[in-house]
Amino acid sequence: MYIYLTPSTLARAIIDETLRLWRANLEETAATPATTAHRVNESMVVWLEACFRANPPALVPSKEPLWTLAGFPLWLDPPNSPPRNNPPATS
């Protein structure tokens, strides 16, 4: 699920400054990599780097499901579903 479907273009300088701030946050949480705060910071840096590389620079949809930031697995099964024989690969 994406927050929006059409990329919104932005000035590269704005994305660059935002990326600088999120990298500082990521550095502050580096000592606690298992925390939600660190996962959010790490995810934001990856996403902002993708936004920065876009041509033109834009807020592109993230490929990472939001629930992974809370520590849930990438693939979620519906309640009461039978066990999988071949679980999907994780990233």
PDB file of N, CA and C in Angstrom:
ATOM      1  N   MET A   1       0.846  -1.167   0.000  1.00  0.00           N
ATOM      2  CA  MET A   1       0.000   0.000   0.000  1.00  0.00           C
ATOM      3  C   MET A   1       0.895   1.235   0.000  1.00  0.00           C
ATOM      4  N   TYR A   2       0.566   2.170  -0.855  1.00  0.00           N
ATOM      5  CA  TYR A   2       1.328   3.406  -0.954  1.00  0.00           C
ATOM      6  C   TYR A   2       0.501   4.558  -0.410  1.00  0.00           C
ATOM      7  N   ILE A   3       1.201   5.537   0.152  1.00  0.00           N
ATOM      8  CA  ILE A   3       0.537   6.733   0.656  1.00  0.00           C
ATOM      9  C   ILE A   3      -0.026   7.533  -0.520  1.00  0.00           C
ATOM     10  N   TYR A   4       0.716   7.621  -1.597  1.00  0.00           N
ATOM     11  CA  TYR A   4       0.280   8.324  -2.806  1.00  0.00           C
ATOM     12  C   TYR A   4       0.833   7.553  -3.995  1.00  0.00           C
ATOM     13  N   LEU A   5       0.203   7.722  -5.138  1.00  0.00           N
ATOM     14  CA  LEU A   5       0.609   6.942  -6.298  1.00  0.00           C
ATOM     15  C   LEU A   5       1.422   7.732  -7.309  1.00  0.00           C
ATOM     16  N   THR A   6       1.287   9.033  -7.331  1.00  0.00           N
ATOM     17  CA  THR A   6       2.009   9.862  -8.284  1.00  0.00           C
ATOM     18  C   THR A   6       3.145  10.574  -7.571  1.00  0.00           C
ATOM     19  N   PRO A   7       4.386  10.413  -8.048  1.00  0.00           N
ATOM     20  CA  PRO A   7       5.496  11.111  -7.397  1.00  0.00           C
ATOM     21  C   PRO A   7       5.323  12.626  -7.432  1.00  0.00           C
ATOM     22  N   SER A   8       5.612  13.267  -6.333  1.00  0.00           N
ATOM     23  CA  SER A   8       5.567  14.729  -6.240  1.00  0.00           C
ATOM     24  C   SER A   8       6.988  15.249  -6.370  1.00  0.00           C
ATOM     25  N   THR A   9       7.228  16.110  -7.362  1.00  0.00           N
ATOM     26  CA  THR A   9       8.583  16.617  -7.561  1.00  0.00           C
ATOM     27  C   THR A   9       8.919  17.672  -6.511  1.00  0.00           C
ATOM     28  N   LEU A  10      10.197  17.715  -6.153  1.00  0.00           N
ATOM     29  CA  LEU A  10      10.716  18.670  -5.173  1.00  0.00           C
ATOM     30  C   LEU A  10      12.084  19.147  -5.635  1.00  0.00           C
ATOM     31  N   ALA A  11      12.500  20.271  -5.102  1.00  0.00           N
ATOM     32  CA  ALA A  11      13.858  20.747  -5.373  1.00  0.00           C
ATOM     33  C   ALA A  11      14.855  19.776  -4.740  1.00  0.00           C
ATOM     34  N   ARG A  12      15.900  19.441  -5.473  1.00  0.00           N
ATOM     35  CA  ARG A  12      16.916  18.510  -4.975  1.00  0.00           C
ATOM     36  C   ARG A  12      17.516  19.007  -3.654  1.00  0.00           C
ATOM     37  N   ALA A  13      17.668  20.318  -3.503  1.00  0.00           N
ATOM     38  CA  ALA A  13      18.243  20.875  -2.271  1.00  0.00           C
ATOM     39  C   ALA A  13      17.367  20.571  -1.054  1.00  0.00           C
ATOM     40  N   ILE A  14      16.060  20.566  -1.239  1.00  0.00           N
ATOM     41  CA  ILE A  14      15.151  20.261  -0.112  1.00  0.00           C
ATOM     42  C   ILE A  14      15.302  18.805   0.295  1.00  0.00           C
ATOM     43  N   ILE A  15      15.329  17.917  -0.681  1.00  0.00           N
ATOM     44  CA  ILE A  15      15.501  16.500  -0.363  1.00  0.00           C
ATOM     45  C   ILE A  15      16.876  16.276   0.275  1.00  0.00           C
ATOM     46  N   ASP A  16      17.894  16.937  -0.234  1.00  0.00           N
ATOM     47  CA  ASP A  16      19.248  16.788   0.299  1.00  0.00           C
ATOM     48  C   ASP A  16      19.319  17.227   1.760  1.00  0.00           C
ATOM     49  N   GLU A  17      18.705  18.349   2.089  1.00  0.00           N
ATOM     50  CA  GLU A  17      18.710  18.833   3.481  1.00  0.00           C
ATOM     51  C   GLU A  17      17.932  17.884   4.390  1.00  0.00           C
ATOM     52  N   THR A  18      16.788  17.400   3.920  1.00  0.00           N
ATOM     53  CA  THR A  18      15.994  16.455   4.707  1.00  0.00           C
ATOM     54  C   THR A  18      16.771  15.161   4.920  1.00  0.00           C
ATOM     55  N   LEU A  19      17.458  14.710   3.889  1.00  0.00           N
ATOM     56  CA  LEU A  19      18.284  13.508   3.984  1.00  0.00           C
ATOM     57  C   LEU A  19      19.411  13.705   4.995  1.00  0.00           C
ATOM     58  N   ARG A  20      20.018  14.877   5.007  1.00  0.00           N
ATOM     59  CA  ARG A  20      21.080  15.169   5.974  1.00  0.00           C
ATOM     60  C   ARG A  20      20.549  15.056   7.403  1.00  0.00           C
ATOM     61  N   LEU A  21      19.362  15.572   7.647  1.00  0.00           N
ATOM     62  CA  LEU A  21      18.770  15.516   8.989  1.00  0.00           C
ATOM     63  C   LEU A  21      18.434  14.074   9.388  1.00  0.00           C
ATOM     64  N   TRP A  22      17.886  13.292   8.457  1.00  0.00           N
ATOM     65  CA  TRP A  22      17.550  11.906   8.779  1.00  0.00           C
ATOM     66  C   TRP A  22      18.806  11.063   8.984  1.00  0.00           C
ATOM     67  N   ARG A  23      19.871  11.371   8.250  1.00  0.00           N
ATOM     68  CA  ARG A  23      21.136  10.647   8.484  1.00  0.00           C
ATOM     69  C   ARG A  23      21.668  10.935   9.888  1.00  0.00           C
ATOM     70  N   ALA A  24      21.495  12.163  10.347  1.00  0.00           N
ATOM     71  CA  ALA A  24      21.903  12.504  11.723  1.00  0.00           C
ATOM     72  C   ALA A  24      21.069  11.709  12.728  1.00  0.00           C
ATOM     73  N   ASN A  25      19.763  11.583  12.473  1.00  0.00           N
ATOM     74  CA  ASN A  25      18.911  10.769  13.353  1.00  0.00           C
ATOM     75  C   ASN A  25      19.346   9.318  13.338  1.00  0.00           C
ATOM     76  N   LEU A  26      19.675   8.804  12.144  1.00  0.00           N
ATOM     77  CA  LEU A  26      20.116   7.421  12.025  1.00  0.00           C
ATOM     78  C   LEU A  26      21.393   7.193  12.826  1.00  0.00           C
ATOM     79  N   GLU A  27      22.299   8.125  12.760  1.00  0.00           N
ATOM     80  CA  GLU A  27      23.552   8.011  13.518  1.00  0.00           C
ATOM     81  C   GLU A  27      23.286   7.978  15.023  1.00  0.00           C
ATOM     82  N   GLU A  28      22.308   8.768  15.472  1.00  0.00           N
ATOM     83  CA  GLU A  28      21.981   8.804  16.902  1.00  0.00           C
ATOM     84  C   GLU A  28      21.396   7.487  17.396  1.00  0.00           C
ATOM     85  N   THR A  29      20.742   6.728  16.521  1.00  0.00           N
ATOM     86  CA  THR A  29      20.128   5.469  16.943  1.00  0.00           C
ATOM     87  C   THR A  29      20.955   4.247  16.546  1.00  0.00           C
ATOM     88  N   ALA A  30      22.143   4.450  16.007  1.00  0.00           N
ATOM     89  CA  ALA A  30      22.969   3.337  15.529  1.00  0.00           C
ATOM     90  C   ALA A  30      23.320   2.346  16.636  1.00  0.00           C
ATOM     91  N   ALA A  31      23.401   2.805  17.861  1.00  0.00           N
ATOM     92  CA  ALA A  31      23.749   1.923  18.985  1.00  0.00           C
ATOM     93  C   ALA A  31      22.602   1.001  19.384  1.00  0.00           C
ATOM     94  N   THR A  32      21.395   1.285  18.875  1.00  0.00           N
ATOM     95  CA  THR A  32      20.217   0.469  19.218  1.00  0.00           C
ATOM     96  C   THR A  32      19.503   0.030  17.940  1.00  0.00           C
ATOM     97  N   PRO A  33      20.142  -0.830  17.132  1.00  0.00           N
ATOM     98  CA  PRO A  33      19.579  -1.188  15.825  1.00  0.00           C
ATOM     99  C   PRO A  33      18.278  -1.976  15.871  1.00  0.00           C
ATOM    100  N   ALA A  34      17.950  -2.596  16.998  1.00  0.00           N
ATOM    101  CA  ALA A  34      16.720  -3.390  17.077  1.00  0.00           C
ATOM    102  C   ALA A  34      15.496  -2.558  17.441  1.00  0.00           C
ATOM    103  N   THR A  35      15.659  -1.265  17.611  1.00  0.00           N
ATOM    104  CA  THR A  35      14.528  -0.432  18.024  1.00  0.00           C
ATOM    105  C   THR A  35      13.730   0.067  16.822  1.00  0.00           C
ATOM    106  N   THR A  36      12.467   0.375  17.086  1.00  0.00           N
ATOM    107  CA  THR A  36      11.615   0.938  16.040  1.00  0.00           C
ATOM    108  C   THR A  36      12.165   2.270  15.565  1.00  0.00           C
ATOM    109  N   ALA A  37      12.682   3.075  16.465  1.00  0.00           N
ATOM    110  CA  ALA A  37      13.239   4.377  16.081  1.00  0.00           C
ATOM    111  C   ALA A  37      14.361   4.203  15.067  1.00  0.00           C
ATOM    112  N   HIS A  38      15.231   3.237  15.278  1.00  0.00           N
ATOM    113  CA  HIS A  38      16.333   3.010  14.342  1.00  0.00           C
ATOM    114  C   HIS A  38      15.799   2.506  13.000  1.00  0.00           C
ATOM    115  N   ARG A  39      14.832   1.591  13.040  1.00  0.00           N
ATOM    116  CA  ARG A  39      14.263   1.073  11.787  1.00  0.00           C
ATOM    117  C   ARG A  39      13.594   2.191  10.989  1.00  0.00           C
ATOM    118  N   VAL A  40      12.885   3.089  11.673  1.00  0.00           N
ATOM    119  CA  VAL A  40      12.257   4.221  10.980  1.00  0.00           C
ATOM    120  C   VAL A  40      13.333   5.107  10.364  1.00  0.00           C
ATOM    121  N   ASN A  41      14.367   5.431  11.131  1.00  0.00           N
ATOM    122  CA  ASN A  41      15.445   6.277  10.611  1.00  0.00           C
ATOM    123  C   ASN A  41      16.123   5.629   9.407  1.00  0.00           C
ATOM    124  N   GLU A  42      16.408   4.353   9.518  1.00  0.00           N
ATOM    125  CA  GLU A  42      17.065   3.639   8.425  1.00  0.00           C
ATOM    126  C   GLU A  42      16.181   3.617   7.169  1.00  0.00           C
ATOM    127  N   SER A  43      14.903   3.350   7.363  1.00  0.00           N
ATOM    128  CA  SER A  43      13.965   3.319   6.250  1.00  0.00           C
ATOM    129  C   SER A  43      13.837   4.680   5.583  1.00  0.00           C
ATOM    130  N   MET A  44      13.803   5.731   6.389  1.00  0.00           N
ATOM    131  CA  MET A  44      13.679   7.082   5.833  1.00  0.00           C
ATOM    132  C   MET A  44      14.913   7.458   5.017  1.00  0.00           C
ATOM    133  N   VAL A  45      16.093   7.080   5.485  1.00  0.00           N
ATOM    134  CA  VAL A  45      17.321   7.382   4.734  1.00  0.00           C
ATOM    135  C   VAL A  45      17.300   6.651   3.392  1.00  0.00           C
ATOM    136  N   VAL A  46      16.934   5.384   3.397  1.00  0.00           N
ATOM    137  CA  VAL A  46      16.869   4.618   2.148  1.00  0.00           C
ATOM    138  C   VAL A  46      15.858   5.259   1.194  1.00  0.00           C
ATOM    139  N   TRP A  47      14.683   5.613   1.710  1.00  0.00           N
ATOM    140  CA  TRP A  47      13.644   6.215   0.879  1.00  0.00           C
ATOM    141  C   TRP A  47      14.078   7.577   0.341  1.00  0.00           C
ATOM    142  N   LEU A  48      14.637   8.416   1.209  1.00  0.00           N
ATOM    143  CA  LEU A  48      15.069   9.745   0.760  1.00  0.00           C
ATOM    144  C   LEU A  48      16.201   9.662  -0.261  1.00  0.00           C
ATOM    145  N   GLU A  49      17.073   8.671  -0.134  1.00  0.00           N
ATOM    146  CA  GLU A  49      18.119   8.481  -1.140  1.00  0.00           C
ATOM    147  C   GLU A  49      17.497   8.138  -2.495  1.00  0.00           C
ATOM    148  N   ALA A  50      16.441   7.327  -2.490  1.00  0.00           N
ATOM    149  CA  ALA A  50      15.739   7.002  -3.736  1.00  0.00           C
ATOM    150  C   ALA A  50      15.065   8.253  -4.304  1.00  0.00           C
ATOM    151  N   CYS A  51      14.498   9.068  -3.439  1.00  0.00           N
ATOM    152  CA  CYS A  51      13.870  10.320  -3.880  1.00  0.00           C
ATOM    153  C   CYS A  51      14.912  11.255  -4.492  1.00  0.00           C
ATOM    154  N   PHE A  52      16.071  11.313  -3.883  1.00  0.00           N
ATOM    155  CA  PHE A  52      17.147  12.179  -4.362  1.00  0.00           C
ATOM    156  C   PHE A  52      17.644  11.732  -5.736  1.00  0.00           C
ATOM    157  N   ARG A  53      17.718  10.397  -5.943  1.00  0.00           N
ATOM    158  CA  ARG A  53      18.208   9.858  -7.213  1.00  0.00           C
ATOM    159  C   ARG A  53      17.182   9.949  -8.338  1.00  0.00           C
ATOM    160  N   ALA A  54      15.906  10.132  -7.997  1.00  0.00           N
ATOM    161  CA  ALA A  54      14.867  10.205  -9.029  1.00  0.00           C
ATOM    162  C   ALA A  54      15.148  11.377  -9.968  1.00  0.00           C
ATOM    163  N   ASN A  55      14.723  11.222 -11.218  1.00  0.00           N
ATOM    164  CA  ASN A  55      14.944  12.280 -12.189  1.00  0.00           C
ATOM    165  C   ASN A  55      13.618  12.604 -12.867  1.00  0.00           C
ATOM    166  N   PRO A  56      13.011  13.740 -12.517  1.00  0.00           N
ATOM    167  CA  PRO A  56      13.467  14.772 -11.598  1.00  0.00           C
ATOM    168  C   PRO A  56      13.316  14.297 -10.152  1.00  0.00           C
ATOM    169  N   PRO A  57      14.021  14.971  -9.215  1.00  0.00           N
ATOM    170  CA  PRO A  57      13.908  14.576  -7.806  1.00  0.00           C
ATOM    171  C   PRO A  57      12.446  14.640  -7.370  1.00  0.00           C
ATOM    172  N   ALA A  58      11.999  13.583  -6.704  1.00  0.00           N
ATOM    173  CA  ALA A  58      10.574  13.503  -6.351  1.00  0.00           C
ATOM    174  C   ALA A  58      10.376  12.611  -5.138  1.00  0.00           C
ATOM    175  N   LEU A  59       9.228  12.754  -4.503  1.00  0.00           N
ATOM    176  CA  LEU A  59       8.828  11.861  -3.424  1.00  0.00           C
ATOM    177  C   LEU A  59       8.229  10.622  -4.081  1.00  0.00           C
ATOM    178  N   VAL A  60       9.041   9.595  -4.222  1.00  0.00           N
ATOM    179  CA  VAL A  60       8.627   8.376  -4.906  1.00  0.00           C
ATOM    180  C   VAL A  60       7.990   7.414  -3.913  1.00  0.00           C
ATOM    181  N   PRO A  61       7.068   6.561  -4.372  1.00  0.00           N
ATOM    182  CA  PRO A  61       6.475   5.573  -3.452  1.00  0.00           C
ATOM    183  C   PRO A  61       7.537   4.638  -2.901  1.00  0.00           C
ATOM    184  N   SER A  62       7.437   4.335  -1.622  1.00  0.00           N
ATOM    185  CA  SER A  62       8.360   3.403  -0.989  1.00  0.00           C
ATOM    186  C   SER A  62       7.980   1.980  -1.367  1.00  0.00           C
ATOM    187  N   LYS A  63       8.981   1.128  -1.510  1.00  0.00           N
ATOM    188  CA  LYS A  63       8.729  -0.281  -1.798  1.00  0.00           C
ATOM    189  C   LYS A  63       8.606  -1.099  -0.518  1.00  0.00           C
ATOM    190  N   GLU A  64       8.836  -0.464   0.617  1.00  0.00           N
ATOM    191  CA  GLU A  64       8.814  -1.160   1.907  1.00  0.00           C
ATOM    192  C   GLU A  64       7.447  -0.988   2.567  1.00  0.00           C
ATOM    193  N   PRO A  65       6.771  -2.090   2.902  1.00  0.00           N
ATOM    194  CA  PRO A  65       5.498  -1.964   3.610  1.00  0.00           C
ATOM    195  C   PRO A  65       5.689  -1.268   4.962  1.00  0.00           C
ATOM    196  N   LEU A  66       4.756  -0.412   5.323  1.00  0.00           N
ATOM    197  CA  LEU A  66       4.888   0.360   6.563  1.00  0.00           C
ATOM    198  C   LEU A  66       4.967  -0.513   7.806  1.00  0.00           C
ATOM    199  N   TRP A  67       4.315  -1.686   7.795  1.00  0.00           N
ATOM    200  CA  TRP A  67       4.306  -2.515   9.005  1.00  0.00           C
ATOM    201  C   TRP A  67       5.683  -3.070   9.345  1.00  0.00           C
ATOM    202  N   THR A  68       6.617  -3.083   8.390  1.00  0.00           N
ATOM    203  CA  THR A  68       7.947  -3.597   8.708  1.00  0.00           C
ATOM    204  C   THR A  68       8.690  -2.667   9.664  1.00  0.00           C
ATOM    205  N   LEU A  69       8.304  -1.392   9.687  1.00  0.00           N
ATOM    206  CA  LEU A  69       8.962  -0.446  10.588  1.00  0.00           C
ATOM    207  C   LEU A  69       8.676  -0.767  12.048  1.00  0.00           C
ATOM    208  N   ALA A  70       7.538  -1.392  12.298  1.00  0.00           N
ATOM    209  CA  ALA A  70       7.184  -1.776  13.666  1.00  0.00           C
ATOM    210  C   ALA A  70       7.765  -3.131  14.036  1.00  0.00           C
ATOM    211  N   GLY A  71       8.497  -3.744  13.108  1.00  0.00           N
ATOM    212  CA  GLY A  71       9.136  -5.018  13.397  1.00  0.00           C
ATOM    213  C   GLY A  71       8.361  -6.229  12.924  1.00  0.00           C
ATOM    214  N   PHE A  72       7.229  -6.007  12.257  1.00  0.00           N
ATOM    215  CA  PHE A  72       6.473  -7.135  11.734  1.00  0.00           C
ATOM    216  C   PHE A  72       7.178  -7.679  10.491  1.00  0.00           C
ATOM    217  N   PRO A  73       6.972  -8.957  10.179  1.00  0.00           N
ATOM    218  CA  PRO A  73       7.648  -9.519   9.008  1.00  0.00           C
ATOM    219  C   PRO A  73       7.159  -8.880   7.706  1.00  0.00           C
ATOM    220  N   LEU A  74       7.980  -9.002   6.685  1.00  0.00           N
ATOM    221  CA  LEU A  74       7.651  -8.429   5.384  1.00  0.00           C
ATOM    222  C   LEU A  74       6.348  -9.002   4.850  1.00  0.00           C
ATOM    223  N   TRP A  75       6.162 -10.315   5.005  1.00  0.00           N
ATOM    224  CA  TRP A  75       4.947 -10.969   4.507  1.00  0.00           C
ATOM    225  C   TRP A  75       4.063 -11.346   5.676  1.00  0.00           C
ATOM    226  N   LEU A  76       2.830 -10.907   5.646  1.00  0.00           N
ATOM    227  CA  LEU A  76       1.875 -11.224   6.700  1.00  0.00           C
ATOM    228  C   LEU A  76       0.817 -12.164   6.146  1.00  0.00           C
ATOM    229  N   ASP A  77       0.506 -13.212   6.890  1.00  0.00           N
ATOM    230  CA  ASP A  77      -0.550 -14.139   6.498  1.00  0.00           C
ATOM    231  C   ASP A  77      -1.852 -13.736   7.165  1.00  0.00           C
ATOM    232  N   PRO A  78      -2.990 -13.977   6.508  1.00  0.00           N
ATOM    233  CA  PRO A  78      -4.268 -13.707   7.150  1.00  0.00           C
ATOM    234  C   PRO A  78      -4.434 -14.592   8.382  1.00  0.00           C
ATOM    235  N   PRO A  79      -5.227 -14.152   9.363  1.00  0.00           N
ATOM    236  CA  PRO A  79      -5.459 -14.982  10.549  1.00  0.00           C
ATOM    237  C   PRO A  79      -6.043 -16.341  10.157  1.00  0.00           C
ATOM    238  N   ASN A  80      -5.671 -17.371  10.878  1.00  0.00           N
ATOM    239  CA  ASN A  80      -6.169 -18.737  10.695  1.00  0.00           C
ATOM    240  C   ASN A  80      -5.825 -19.335   9.331  1.00  0.00           C
ATOM    241  N   SER A  81      -4.811 -18.830   8.661  1.00  0.00           N
ATOM    242  CA  SER A  81      -4.418 -19.407   7.377  1.00  0.00           C
ATOM    243  C   SER A  81      -3.516 -20.608   7.626  1.00  0.00           C
ATOM    244  N   PRO A  82      -3.535 -21.587   6.715  1.00  0.00           N
ATOM    245  CA  PRO A  82      -2.674 -22.761   6.907  1.00  0.00           C
ATOM    246  C   PRO A  82      -1.201 -22.397   6.782  1.00  0.00           C
ATOM    247  N   PRO A  83      -0.321 -23.192   7.372  1.00  0.00           N
ATOM    248  CA  PRO A  83       1.126 -22.895   7.272  1.00  0.00           C
ATOM    249  C   PRO A  83       1.578 -22.953   5.813  1.00  0.00           C
ATOM    250  N   ARG A  84       2.583 -22.172   5.514  1.00  0.00           N
ATOM    251  CA  ARG A  84       3.137 -22.148   4.156  1.00  0.00           C
ATOM    252  C   ARG A  84       4.139 -23.281   3.989  1.00  0.00           C
ATOM    253  N   ASN A  85       4.154 -23.854   2.797  1.00  0.00           N
ATOM    254  CA  ASN A  85       5.190 -24.835   2.468  1.00  0.00           C
ATOM    255  C   ASN A  85       6.461 -24.130   2.043  1.00  0.00           C
ATOM    256  N   ASN A  86       6.310 -23.058   1.288  1.00  0.00           N
ATOM    257  CA  ASN A  86       7.448 -22.310   0.790  1.00  0.00           C
ATOM    258  C   ASN A  86       7.234 -20.833   1.113  1.00  0.00           C
ATOM    259  N   PRO A  87       7.683 -20.382   2.284  1.00  0.00           N
ATOM    260  CA  PRO A  87       7.484 -18.974   2.616  1.00  0.00           C
ATOM    261  C   PRO A  87       8.207 -18.083   1.625  1.00  0.00           C
ATOM    262  N   PRO A  88       7.659 -16.891   1.359  1.00  0.00           N
ATOM    263  CA  PRO A  88       8.326 -15.973   0.435  1.00  0.00           C
ATOM    264  C   PRO A  88       9.686 -15.540   0.956  1.00  0.00           C
ATOM    265  N   ALA A  89      10.563 -15.221   0.041  1.00  0.00           N
ATOM    266  CA  ALA A  89      11.893 -14.735   0.429  1.00  0.00           C
ATOM    267  C   ALA A  89      11.765 -13.403   1.137  1.00  0.00           C
ATOM    268  N   THR A  90      12.594 -13.190   2.134  1.00  0.00           N
ATOM    269  CA  THR A  90      12.594 -11.914   2.837  1.00  0.00           C
ATOM    270  C   THR A  90      13.721 -11.057   2.312  1.00  0.00           C
ATOM    271  N   SER A  91      13.547  -9.760   2.435  1.00  0.00           N
ATOM    272  CA  SER A  91      14.594  -8.857   1.938  1.00  0.00           C
ATOM    273  C   SER A  91      15.578  -8.524   3.009  1.00  0.00           C
TER     274      SER A  91
END
